[in-house]
Amino acid sequence: MSPESEKFLADIRSDDADVRFAAWSRAGGADPEVILPLGKLLVADQPGVRKAADESLKRIVHSVGKEPVSVRRAAVVKQLIVLTGEGQAGWTRTIALRHLSLIGGDETVPAAAKLLRNVELQEEAVFCLERIPGAASTKALISAMPDVSDAFKPRVLAALGHRKAEEATDICASAMESPNVEIVMAGLKATARIGKKPLLNVRPPNYDSLTGWQKVDYTDSTLRYVDDQVRRGNIDEAIRYYRDFLGRPEEHLQCAAIIGLSKTGAPEAAGLIFAKLKSPNNTVRITARKAWTAMALL
């Protein structure tokens, strides 16, 4: 280790708060070789030293965040990956994963994916993979689905949904066949966020069997999915769902369906909206009239 790095680490370990502050303030320019010692200092006995190590790592990561491709960034990532390994303190591994979620790439995926089966670190690992762009992290999340516990499957599904990973469409949709309602709802929400029509014919959950909040998630996710079908040009698929919502008693769902139908421009959609011009519900009737007018202008 260089003399400059030795001096920097000595200052971080100093009993003098001003010395520690001065050291972490200049940490952005430190050599990546200091990352491993800083990782160990994250769990030092002295709170001030822990704080100085934490702030130093933040500044080092920030300093390379603006450089998508650089030798220094690669070196920082490499050192952080080492901090996620066996033998490191749990908090050190946690902080390393959080930083890797910001600057890591494909080289980070194997280390993070391995921790998806670690109960103490799996939440940090899935968060890390969720934020790393590219096919490798998506593949790692998909591969983990059969192995992780049922309690953690909804979190992995949520990550795939947030990534809008179209290659994960079918595995998210197949989760709706689970006997575990939490997995079912997570699969539904993830499929809706992705928006691609699954190849599988999956039966959605029984609406009447759901809790109040689950019913809200069900309707919100279904409308999200159907709106995406309109955007993708799957008009017949969208109208099928909208027709079902028109038959529901809740006025806000009928109105949502009317608005969605008005965006399709399809003759069948116009007929469905026309029928609602005579709805006994004033809000639905007004919404239908506005939608009918909007369609006439298309």
C-alpha atoms as a PDB file:
ATOM      1  CA  MET A   1       0.000   0.000   0.000  1.00  0.00           C
ATOM      2  CA  SER A   2       1.280   3.458  -0.895  1.00  0.00           C
ATOM      3  CA  PRO A   3       2.438   5.908   1.791  1.00  0.00           C
ATOM      4  CA  GLU A   4      -0.430   8.237   0.820  1.00  0.00           C
ATOM      5  CA  SER A   5      -2.972   5.494   1.466  1.00  0.00           C
ATOM      6  CA  GLU A   6      -1.326   4.575   4.766  1.00  0.00           C
ATOM      7  CA  LYS A   7      -1.495   8.213   5.879  1.00  0.00           C
ATOM      8  CA  PHE A   8      -5.121   8.493   4.795  1.00  0.00           C
ATOM      9  CA  LEU A   9      -6.160   5.396   6.766  1.00  0.00           C
ATOM     10  CA  ALA A  10      -4.220   6.520   9.815  1.00  0.00           C
ATOM     11  CA  ASP A  11      -6.125   9.802   9.721  1.00  0.00           C
ATOM     12  CA  ILE A  12      -9.450   7.957   9.401  1.00  0.00           C
ATOM     13  CA  ARG A  13      -8.534   5.964  12.535  1.00  0.00           C
ATOM     14  CA  SER A  14      -7.405   9.064  14.417  1.00  0.00           C
ATOM     15  CA  ASP A  15      -8.872   9.959  17.805  1.00  0.00           C
ATOM     16  CA  ASP A  16      -9.068  13.569  16.631  1.00  0.00           C
ATOM     17  CA  ALA A  17     -12.448  14.316  15.012  1.00  0.00           C
ATOM     18  CA  ASP A  18     -10.988  17.188  12.970  1.00  0.00           C
ATOM     19  CA  VAL A  19      -8.321  14.915  11.509  1.00  0.00           C
ATOM     20  CA  ARG A  20     -10.919  12.294  10.605  1.00  0.00           C
ATOM     21  CA  PHE A  21     -13.127  14.927   8.987  1.00  0.00           C
ATOM     22  CA  ALA A  22     -10.263  16.316   6.934  1.00  0.00           C
ATOM     23  CA  ALA A  23      -9.412  12.795   5.769  1.00  0.00           C
ATOM     24  CA  TRP A  24     -12.884  11.798   4.658  1.00  0.00           C
ATOM     25  CA  SER A  25     -13.365  15.176   2.962  1.00  0.00           C
ATOM     26  CA  ARG A  26     -10.542  14.346   0.573  1.00  0.00           C
ATOM     27  CA  ALA A  27     -11.471  10.660   0.206  1.00  0.00           C
ATOM     28  CA  GLY A  28     -12.800  11.138  -3.323  1.00  0.00           C
ATOM     29  CA  GLY A  29      -9.252  11.146  -4.607  1.00  0.00           C
ATOM     30  CA  ALA A  30      -8.049   8.181  -2.559  1.00  0.00           C
ATOM     31  CA  ASP A  31      -6.591   5.107  -4.200  1.00  0.00           C
ATOM     32  CA  PRO A  32      -9.128   2.227  -4.448  1.00  0.00           C
ATOM     33  CA  GLU A  33      -6.694   0.124  -2.438  1.00  0.00           C
ATOM     34  CA  VAL A  34      -8.056   1.789   0.719  1.00  0.00           C
ATOM     35  CA  ILE A  35     -11.527   0.302   0.201  1.00  0.00           C
ATOM     36  CA  LEU A  36     -10.852  -3.031   1.898  1.00  0.00           C
ATOM     37  CA  PRO A  37      -9.418  -1.443   5.073  1.00  0.00           C
ATOM     38  CA  LEU A  38     -12.282   1.053   5.098  1.00  0.00           C
ATOM     39  CA  GLY A  39     -14.724  -1.834   4.900  1.00  0.00           C
ATOM     40  CA  LYS A  40     -13.291  -3.299   8.077  1.00  0.00           C
ATOM     41  CA  LEU A  41     -13.466   0.078   9.789  1.00  0.00           C
ATOM     42  CA  LEU A  42     -17.224   0.209   9.149  1.00  0.00           C
ATOM     43  CA  VAL A  43     -17.562  -2.011  12.210  1.00  0.00           C
ATOM     44  CA  ALA A  44     -14.819  -0.399  14.323  1.00  0.00           C
ATOM     45  CA  ASP A  45     -15.433   0.080  18.037  1.00  0.00           C
ATOM     46  CA  GLN A  46     -15.262   3.879  17.832  1.00  0.00           C
ATOM     47  CA  PRO A  47     -18.404   5.530  16.367  1.00  0.00           C
ATOM     48  CA  GLY A  48     -16.352   8.374  14.941  1.00  0.00           C
ATOM     49  CA  VAL A  49     -14.115   5.988  13.017  1.00  0.00           C
ATOM     50  CA  ARG A  50     -17.133   4.095  11.686  1.00  0.00           C
ATOM     51  CA  LYS A  51     -18.610   7.385  10.497  1.00  0.00           C
ATOM     52  CA  ALA A  52     -15.362   8.448   8.836  1.00  0.00           C
ATOM     53  CA  ALA A  53     -15.039   5.109   7.006  1.00  0.00           C
ATOM     54  CA  ASP A  54     -18.642   5.266   5.831  1.00  0.00           C
ATOM     55  CA  GLU A  55     -18.309   8.823   4.530  1.00  0.00           C
ATOM     56  CA  SER A  56     -15.038   7.949   2.819  1.00  0.00           C
ATOM     57  CA  LEU A  57     -16.603   5.072   0.908  1.00  0.00           C
ATOM     58  CA  LYS A  58     -19.477   7.311  -0.172  1.00  0.00           C
ATOM     59  CA  ARG A  59     -17.064   9.864  -1.570  1.00  0.00           C
ATOM     60  CA  ILE A  60     -14.976   7.270  -3.378  1.00  0.00           C
ATOM     61  CA  VAL A  61     -18.082   5.789  -5.025  1.00  0.00           C
ATOM     62  CA  HIS A  62     -19.401   9.240  -5.911  1.00  0.00           C
ATOM     63  CA  SER A  63     -16.064  10.198  -7.445  1.00  0.00           C
ATOM     64  CA  VAL A  64     -16.316   7.403 -10.024  1.00  0.00           C
ATOM     65  CA  GLY A  65     -20.089   7.603 -10.523  1.00  0.00           C
ATOM     66  CA  LYS A  66     -19.683  10.192 -13.261  1.00  0.00           C
ATOM     67  CA  GLU A  67     -17.259   7.967 -15.175  1.00  0.00           C
ATOM     68  CA  PRO A  68     -19.257   5.100 -16.775  1.00  0.00           C
ATOM     69  CA  VAL A  69     -16.108   3.537 -18.186  1.00  0.00           C
ATOM     70  CA  SER A  70     -12.782   4.102 -16.457  1.00  0.00           C
ATOM     71  CA  VAL A  71      -9.934   2.103 -14.991  1.00  0.00           C
ATOM     72  CA  ARG A  72     -10.499   3.676 -11.570  1.00  0.00           C
ATOM     73  CA  ARG A  73     -14.198   2.848 -11.525  1.00  0.00           C
ATOM     74  CA  ALA A  74     -13.427  -0.766 -12.408  1.00  0.00           C
ATOM     75  CA  ALA A  75     -10.920  -0.904  -9.554  1.00  0.00           C
ATOM     76  CA  VAL A  76     -13.451   0.516  -7.089  1.00  0.00           C
ATOM     77  CA  VAL A  77     -16.079  -2.008  -8.156  1.00  0.00           C
ATOM     78  CA  LYS A  78     -13.578  -4.852  -7.858  1.00  0.00           C
ATOM     79  CA  GLN A  79     -12.710  -3.890  -4.291  1.00  0.00           C
ATOM     80  CA  LEU A  80     -16.358  -3.507  -3.294  1.00  0.00           C
ATOM     81  CA  ILE A  81     -17.113  -6.976  -4.641  1.00  0.00           C
ATOM     82  CA  VAL A  82     -14.427  -8.354  -2.343  1.00  0.00           C
ATOM     83  CA  LEU A  83     -16.228  -6.688   0.569  1.00  0.00           C
ATOM     84  CA  THR A  84     -19.376  -8.715  -0.189  1.00  0.00           C
ATOM     85  CA  GLY A  85     -17.540 -12.000   0.352  1.00  0.00           C
ATOM     86  CA  GLU A  86     -17.483 -14.528   3.150  1.00  0.00           C
ATOM     87  CA  GLY A  87     -15.469 -13.466   6.170  1.00  0.00           C
ATOM     88  CA  GLN A  88     -16.573  -9.849   5.982  1.00  0.00           C
ATOM     89  CA  ALA A  89     -18.890  -8.426   8.631  1.00  0.00           C
ATOM     90  CA  GLY A  90     -22.576  -8.392   7.745  1.00  0.00           C
ATOM     91  CA  TRP A  91     -22.770  -4.598   7.864  1.00  0.00           C
ATOM     92  CA  THR A  92     -19.703  -4.302   5.658  1.00  0.00           C
ATOM     93  CA  ARG A  93     -21.287  -6.602   3.079  1.00  0.00           C
ATOM     94  CA  THR A  94     -24.506  -4.600   3.258  1.00  0.00           C
ATOM     95  CA  ILE A  95     -22.773  -1.290   2.569  1.00  0.00           C
ATOM     96  CA  ALA A  96     -20.765  -2.838  -0.269  1.00  0.00           C
ATOM     97  CA  LEU A  97     -23.938  -4.100  -1.950  1.00  0.00           C
ATOM     98  CA  ARG A  98     -25.573  -0.694  -1.633  1.00  0.00           C
ATOM     99  CA  HIS A  99     -22.624   0.998  -3.303  1.00  0.00           C
ATOM    100  CA  LEU A 100     -22.471  -1.652  -6.020  1.00  0.00           C
ATOM    101  CA  SER A 101     -26.127  -1.002  -6.791  1.00  0.00           C
ATOM    102  CA  LEU A 102     -24.995   2.466  -7.886  1.00  0.00           C
ATOM    103  CA  ILE A 103     -21.875   1.709  -9.909  1.00  0.00           C
ATOM    104  CA  GLY A 104     -21.814  -2.053 -10.477  1.00  0.00           C
ATOM    105  CA  GLY A 105     -22.259  -3.795 -13.803  1.00  0.00           C
ATOM    106  CA  ASP A 106     -22.213  -7.350 -15.094  1.00  0.00           C
ATOM    107  CA  GLU A 107     -19.075  -8.080 -13.061  1.00  0.00           C
ATOM    108  CA  THR A 108     -21.091  -7.519  -9.890  1.00  0.00           C
ATOM    109  CA  VAL A 109     -23.913  -9.928 -10.739  1.00  0.00           C
ATOM    110  CA  PRO A 110     -22.359 -13.254  -9.640  1.00  0.00           C
ATOM    111  CA  ALA A 111     -21.460 -11.944  -6.171  1.00  0.00           C
ATOM    112  CA  ALA A 112     -24.884 -10.367  -5.605  1.00  0.00           C
ATOM    113  CA  ALA A 113     -26.753 -13.356  -7.051  1.00  0.00           C
ATOM    114  CA  LYS A 114     -24.987 -15.701  -4.656  1.00  0.00           C
ATOM    115  CA  LEU A 115     -26.383 -13.710  -1.728  1.00  0.00           C
ATOM    116  CA  LEU A 116     -29.995 -14.039  -2.870  1.00  0.00           C
ATOM    117  CA  ARG A 117     -30.053 -17.275  -0.828  1.00  0.00           C
ATOM    118  CA  ASN A 118     -28.555 -15.589   2.246  1.00  0.00           C
ATOM    119  CA  VAL A 119     -31.443 -14.734   4.571  1.00  0.00           C
ATOM    120  CA  GLU A 120     -29.587 -11.857   6.227  1.00  0.00           C
ATOM    121  CA  LEU A 121     -28.394 -10.246   2.993  1.00  0.00           C
ATOM    122  CA  GLN A 122     -30.935 -11.277   0.360  1.00  0.00           C
ATOM    123  CA  GLU A 123     -32.877  -8.007   0.541  1.00  0.00           C
ATOM    124  CA  GLU A 124     -29.708  -6.007  -0.107  1.00  0.00           C
ATOM    125  CA  ALA A 125     -28.705  -8.430  -2.863  1.00  0.00           C
ATOM    126  CA  VAL A 126     -32.026  -8.220  -4.701  1.00  0.00           C
ATOM    127  CA  PHE A 127     -32.013  -4.427  -4.403  1.00  0.00           C
ATOM    128  CA  CYS A 128     -28.520  -4.383  -5.883  1.00  0.00           C
ATOM    129  CA  LEU A 129     -29.484  -6.605  -8.821  1.00  0.00           C
ATOM    130  CA  GLU A 130     -32.702  -4.689  -9.365  1.00  0.00           C
ATOM    131  CA  ARG A 131     -30.715  -1.510 -10.031  1.00  0.00           C
ATOM    132  CA  ILE A 132     -27.946  -2.966 -12.194  1.00  0.00           C
ATOM    133  CA  PRO A 133     -28.877  -2.638 -15.875  1.00  0.00           C
ATOM    134  CA  GLY A 134     -28.435  -5.406 -18.393  1.00  0.00           C
ATOM    135  CA  ALA A 135     -29.518  -8.942 -19.172  1.00  0.00           C
ATOM    136  CA  ALA A 136     -27.140 -10.585 -16.689  1.00  0.00           C
ATOM    137  CA  SER A 137     -28.898  -9.219 -13.600  1.00  0.00           C
ATOM    138  CA  THR A 138     -32.320 -10.074 -15.025  1.00  0.00           C
ATOM    139  CA  LYS A 139     -31.170 -13.622 -15.708  1.00  0.00           C
ATOM    140  CA  ALA A 140     -29.830 -13.921 -12.154  1.00  0.00           C
ATOM    141  CA  LEU A 141     -33.185 -12.852 -10.700  1.00  0.00           C
ATOM    142  CA  ILE A 142     -35.084 -15.299 -12.912  1.00  0.00           C
ATOM    143  CA  SER A 143     -32.702 -18.126 -12.024  1.00  0.00           C
ATOM    144  CA  ALA A 144     -33.189 -17.470  -8.317  1.00  0.00           C
ATOM    145  CA  MET A 145     -36.979 -17.862  -8.380  1.00  0.00           C
ATOM    146  CA  PRO A 146     -37.086 -21.679  -7.989  1.00  0.00           C
ATOM    147  CA  ASP A 147     -34.560 -21.652  -5.138  1.00  0.00           C
ATOM    148  CA  VAL A 148     -35.510 -18.775  -2.848  1.00  0.00           C
ATOM    149  CA  SER A 149     -38.081 -19.252  -0.094  1.00  0.00           C
ATOM    150  CA  ASP A 150     -41.761 -18.561  -0.696  1.00  0.00           C
ATOM    151  CA  ALA A 151     -41.465 -15.660   1.726  1.00  0.00           C
ATOM    152  CA  PHE A 152     -38.855 -14.011  -0.530  1.00  0.00           C
ATOM    153  CA  LYS A 153     -40.356 -14.836  -3.929  1.00  0.00           C
ATOM    154  CA  PRO A 154     -42.624 -11.744  -3.918  1.00  0.00           C
ATOM    155  CA  ARG A 155     -39.574  -9.505  -3.528  1.00  0.00           C
ATOM    156  CA  VAL A 156     -37.797 -11.114  -6.483  1.00  0.00           C
ATOM    157  CA  LEU A 157     -40.967 -10.786  -8.565  1.00  0.00           C
ATOM    158  CA  ALA A 158     -41.213  -7.127  -7.582  1.00  0.00           C
ATOM    159  CA  ALA A 159     -37.638  -6.568  -8.773  1.00  0.00           C
ATOM    160  CA  LEU A 160     -38.420  -8.133 -12.148  1.00  0.00           C
ATOM    161  CA  GLY A 161     -41.520  -5.987 -12.434  1.00  0.00           C
ATOM    162  CA  HIS A 162     -39.671  -2.801 -11.573  1.00  0.00           C
ATOM    163  CA  ARG A 163     -37.091  -3.644 -14.226  1.00  0.00           C
ATOM    164  CA  LYS A 164     -39.911  -4.175 -16.788  1.00  0.00           C
ATOM    165  CA  ALA A 165     -37.988  -7.253 -17.852  1.00  0.00           C
ATOM    166  CA  GLU A 166     -39.973  -8.676 -20.765  1.00  0.00           C
ATOM    167  CA  GLU A 167     -37.942 -11.879 -20.743  1.00  0.00           C
ATOM    168  CA  ALA A 168     -39.378 -12.502 -17.271  1.00  0.00           C
ATOM    169  CA  THR A 169     -43.009 -12.192 -18.390  1.00  0.00           C
ATOM    170  CA  ASP A 170     -43.875 -15.875 -18.295  1.00  0.00           C
ATOM    171  CA  ILE A 171     -42.173 -16.658 -14.994  1.00  0.00           C
ATOM    172  CA  CYS A 172     -43.981 -13.703 -13.397  1.00  0.00           C
ATOM    173  CA  ALA A 173     -47.291 -14.815 -14.896  1.00  0.00           C
ATOM    174  CA  SER A 174     -46.772 -18.419 -13.789  1.00  0.00           C
ATOM    175  CA  ALA A 175     -46.414 -17.170 -10.202  1.00  0.00           C
ATOM    176  CA  MET A 176     -50.155 -16.487 -10.313  1.00  0.00           C
ATOM    177  CA  GLU A 177     -50.699 -20.249 -10.200  1.00  0.00           C
ATOM    178  CA  SER A 178     -49.105 -20.491  -6.747  1.00  0.00           C
ATOM    179  CA  PRO A 179     -51.258 -21.587  -3.785  1.00  0.00           C
ATOM    180  CA  ASN A 180     -49.635 -18.730  -1.845  1.00  0.00           C
ATOM    181  CA  VAL A 181     -51.746 -15.593  -2.334  1.00  0.00           C
ATOM    182  CA  GLU A 182     -48.775 -13.283  -1.620  1.00  0.00           C
ATOM    183  CA  ILE A 183     -46.870 -14.856  -4.504  1.00  0.00           C
ATOM    184  CA  VAL A 184     -49.985 -14.690  -6.681  1.00  0.00           C
ATOM    185  CA  MET A 185     -50.407 -10.961  -6.092  1.00  0.00           C
ATOM    186  CA  ALA A 186     -46.690 -10.301  -6.601  1.00  0.00           C
ATOM    187  CA  GLY A 187     -46.807 -12.192  -9.892  1.00  0.00           C
ATOM    188  CA  LEU A 188     -49.858 -10.219 -10.979  1.00  0.00           C
ATOM    189  CA  LYS A 189     -48.269  -6.867 -10.165  1.00  0.00           C
ATOM    190  CA  ALA A 190     -44.974  -7.780 -11.833  1.00  0.00           C
ATOM    191  CA  THR A 191     -46.716  -8.983 -14.998  1.00  0.00           C
ATOM    192  CA  ALA A 192     -48.737  -5.780 -15.124  1.00  0.00           C
ATOM    193  CA  ARG A 193     -45.644  -3.618 -14.749  1.00  0.00           C
ATOM    194  CA  ILE A 194     -43.862  -5.460 -17.529  1.00  0.00           C
ATOM    195  CA  GLY A 195     -46.890  -5.104 -19.776  1.00  0.00           C
ATOM    196  CA  LYS A 196     -46.128  -7.851 -22.269  1.00  0.00           C
ATOM    197  CA  LYS A 197     -48.867 -10.426 -22.861  1.00  0.00           C
ATOM    198  CA  PRO A 198     -47.735 -13.798 -21.436  1.00  0.00           C
ATOM    199  CA  LEU A 199     -47.592 -16.849 -23.650  1.00  0.00           C
ATOM    200  CA  LEU A 200     -49.197 -18.799 -20.815  1.00  0.00           C
ATOM    201  CA  ASN A 201     -52.947 -18.869 -20.239  1.00  0.00           C
ATOM    202  CA  VAL A 202     -52.958 -18.096 -16.535  1.00  0.00           C
ATOM    203  CA  ARG A 203     -56.142 -17.803 -14.506  1.00  0.00           C
ATOM    204  CA  PRO A 204     -56.097 -14.647 -12.350  1.00  0.00           C
ATOM    205  CA  PRO A 205     -56.916 -14.904  -8.636  1.00  0.00           C
ATOM    206  CA  ASN A 206     -60.526 -15.103  -7.487  1.00  0.00           C
ATOM    207  CA  TYR A 207     -61.422 -11.464  -6.862  1.00  0.00           C
ATOM    208  CA  ASP A 208     -64.005 -12.228  -4.182  1.00  0.00           C
ATOM    209  CA  SER A 209     -61.450 -14.194  -2.139  1.00  0.00           C
ATOM    210  CA  LEU A 210     -59.074 -11.235  -1.839  1.00  0.00           C
ATOM    211  CA  THR A 211     -58.740  -8.792   1.039  1.00  0.00           C
ATOM    212  CA  GLY A 212     -59.634  -5.140   0.581  1.00  0.00           C
ATOM    213  CA  TRP A 213     -56.085  -4.024  -0.183  1.00  0.00           C
ATOM    214  CA  GLN A 214     -55.501  -7.017  -2.425  1.00  0.00           C
ATOM    215  CA  LYS A 215     -58.593  -6.057  -4.409  1.00  0.00           C
ATOM    216  CA  VAL A 216     -57.150  -2.584  -4.880  1.00  0.00           C
ATOM    217  CA  ASP A 217     -53.849  -4.076  -6.084  1.00  0.00           C
ATOM    218  CA  TYR A 218     -55.733  -6.454  -8.356  1.00  0.00           C
ATOM    219  CA  THR A 219     -57.748  -3.742 -10.093  1.00  0.00           C
ATOM    220  CA  ASP A 220     -54.837  -1.280 -10.310  1.00  0.00           C
ATOM    221  CA  SER A 221     -52.535  -3.918 -11.766  1.00  0.00           C
ATOM    222  CA  THR A 222     -55.120  -5.185 -14.226  1.00  0.00           C
ATOM    223  CA  LEU A 223     -55.856  -1.676 -15.489  1.00  0.00           C
ATOM    224  CA  ARG A 224     -52.117  -1.009 -15.793  1.00  0.00           C
ATOM    225  CA  TYR A 225     -51.722  -4.178 -17.847  1.00  0.00           C
ATOM    226  CA  VAL A 226     -54.732  -3.425 -20.062  1.00  0.00           C
ATOM    227  CA  ASP A 227     -53.614   0.135 -20.730  1.00  0.00           C
ATOM    228  CA  ASP A 228     -50.286  -1.290 -21.875  1.00  0.00           C
ATOM    229  CA  GLN A 229     -52.100  -3.641 -24.248  1.00  0.00           C
ATOM    230  CA  VAL A 230     -53.655  -0.607 -25.918  1.00  0.00           C
ATOM    231  CA  ARG A 231     -50.234   0.976 -26.249  1.00  0.00           C
ATOM    232  CA  ARG A 232     -48.880  -2.236 -27.762  1.00  0.00           C
ATOM    233  CA  GLY A 233     -51.749  -2.521 -30.220  1.00  0.00           C
ATOM    234  CA  ASN A 234     -53.378  -5.577 -28.590  1.00  0.00           C
ATOM    235  CA  ILE A 235     -56.807  -3.987 -28.873  1.00  0.00           C
ATOM    236  CA  ASP A 236     -58.908  -7.166 -28.713  1.00  0.00           C
ATOM    237  CA  GLU A 237     -57.143  -8.208 -25.509  1.00  0.00           C
ATOM    238  CA  ALA A 238     -57.721  -4.775 -23.996  1.00  0.00           C
ATOM    239  CA  ILE A 239     -61.419  -4.610 -24.895  1.00  0.00           C
ATOM    240  CA  ARG A 240     -62.004  -8.001 -23.296  1.00  0.00           C
ATOM    241  CA  TYR A 241     -60.760  -6.681 -19.968  1.00  0.00           C
ATOM    242  CA  TYR A 242     -62.460  -3.301 -20.279  1.00  0.00           C
ATOM    243  CA  ARG A 243     -65.798  -4.998 -20.941  1.00  0.00           C
ATOM    244  CA  ASP A 244     -65.455  -6.858 -17.651  1.00  0.00           C
ATOM    245  CA  PHE A 245     -64.766  -3.616 -15.784  1.00  0.00           C
ATOM    246  CA  LEU A 246     -67.826  -2.002 -17.338  1.00  0.00           C
ATOM    247  CA  GLY A 247     -69.912  -4.678 -15.657  1.00  0.00           C
ATOM    248  CA  ARG A 248     -68.511  -3.918 -12.221  1.00  0.00           C
ATOM    249  CA  PRO A 249     -70.615  -1.858  -9.756  1.00  0.00           C
ATOM    250  CA  GLU A 250     -67.818   0.569  -8.792  1.00  0.00           C
ATOM    251  CA  GLU A 251     -68.214   3.801 -10.740  1.00  0.00           C
ATOM    252  CA  HIS A 252     -64.487   4.574 -10.762  1.00  0.00           C
ATOM    253  CA  LEU A 253     -63.733   1.238 -12.452  1.00  0.00           C
ATOM    254  CA  GLN A 254     -66.437   1.801 -15.046  1.00  0.00           C
ATOM    255  CA  CYS A 255     -65.018   5.269 -15.721  1.00  0.00           C
ATOM    256  CA  ALA A 256     -61.482   3.899 -16.010  1.00  0.00           C
ATOM    257  CA  ALA A 257     -62.713   1.348 -18.542  1.00  0.00           C
ATOM    258  CA  ILE A 258     -64.568   4.006 -20.534  1.00  0.00           C
ATOM    259  CA  ILE A 259     -61.486   6.221 -20.703  1.00  0.00           C
ATOM    260  CA  GLY A 260     -59.348   3.252 -21.722  1.00  0.00           C
ATOM    261  CA  LEU A 261     -61.819   2.205 -24.403  1.00  0.00           C
ATOM    262  CA  SER A 262     -61.852   5.720 -25.821  1.00  0.00           C
ATOM    263  CA  LYS A 263     -58.139   5.439 -26.546  1.00  0.00           C
ATOM    264  CA  THR A 264     -58.489   2.308 -28.656  1.00  0.00           C
ATOM    265  CA  GLY A 265     -60.405   3.926 -31.532  1.00  0.00           C
ATOM    266  CA  ALA A 266     -62.113   0.582 -32.166  1.00  0.00           C
ATOM    267  CA  PRO A 267     -65.746   0.381 -33.348  1.00  0.00           C
ATOM    268  CA  GLU A 268     -66.487  -2.231 -30.669  1.00  0.00           C
ATOM    269  CA  ALA A 269     -65.160   0.148 -28.024  1.00  0.00           C
ATOM    270  CA  ALA A 270     -67.404   2.910 -29.351  1.00  0.00           C
ATOM    271  CA  GLY A 271     -70.425   0.629 -28.999  1.00  0.00           C
ATOM    272  CA  LEU A 272     -69.554  -0.164 -25.391  1.00  0.00           C
ATOM    273  CA  ILE A 273     -69.154   3.513 -24.551  1.00  0.00           C
ATOM    274  CA  PHE A 274     -72.422   4.382 -26.331  1.00  0.00           C
ATOM    275  CA  ALA A 275     -74.286   1.963 -24.083  1.00  0.00           C
ATOM    276  CA  LYS A 276     -72.994   3.839 -21.024  1.00  0.00           C
ATOM    277  CA  LEU A 277     -74.464   7.141 -22.244  1.00  0.00           C
ATOM    278  CA  LYS A 278     -77.663   5.979 -20.560  1.00  0.00           C
ATOM    279  CA  SER A 279     -76.059   4.775 -17.347  1.00  0.00           C
ATOM    280  CA  PRO A 280     -78.116   5.441 -14.197  1.00  0.00           C
ATOM    281  CA  ASN A 281     -74.900   6.638 -12.544  1.00  0.00           C
ATOM    282  CA  ASN A 282     -74.356  10.345 -13.231  1.00  0.00           C
ATOM    283  CA  THR A 283     -70.540  10.182 -13.027  1.00  0.00           C
ATOM    284  CA  VAL A 284     -70.383   7.244 -15.419  1.00  0.00           C
ATOM    285  CA  ARG A 285     -72.826   8.950 -17.785  1.00  0.00           C
ATOM    286  CA  ILE A 286     -70.778  12.171 -17.869  1.00  0.00           C
ATOM    287  CA  THR A 287     -67.528  10.235 -18.395  1.00  0.00           C
ATOM    288  CA  ALA A 288     -69.118   8.283 -21.255  1.00  0.00           C
ATOM    289  CA  ARG A 289     -70.353  11.468 -22.895  1.00  0.00           C
ATOM    290  CA  LYS A 290     -66.907  13.061 -22.775  1.00  0.00           C
ATOM    291  CA  ALA A 291     -65.294   9.874 -24.076  1.00  0.00           C
ATOM    292  CA  TRP A 292     -67.836   9.618 -26.869  1.00  0.00           C
ATOM    293  CA  THR A 293     -67.077  13.174 -27.907  1.00  0.00           C
ATOM    294  CA  ALA A 294     -63.337  12.538 -27.778  1.00  0.00           C
ATOM    295  CA  MET A 295     -63.697   9.451 -29.980  1.00  0.00           C
ATOM    296  CA  ALA A 296     -65.704  11.431 -32.500  1.00  0.00           C
ATOM    297  CA  LEU A 297     -62.771  13.818 -32.860  1.00  0.00           C
ATOM    298  CA  LEU A 298     -60.224  11.050 -33.518  1.00  0.00           C
END
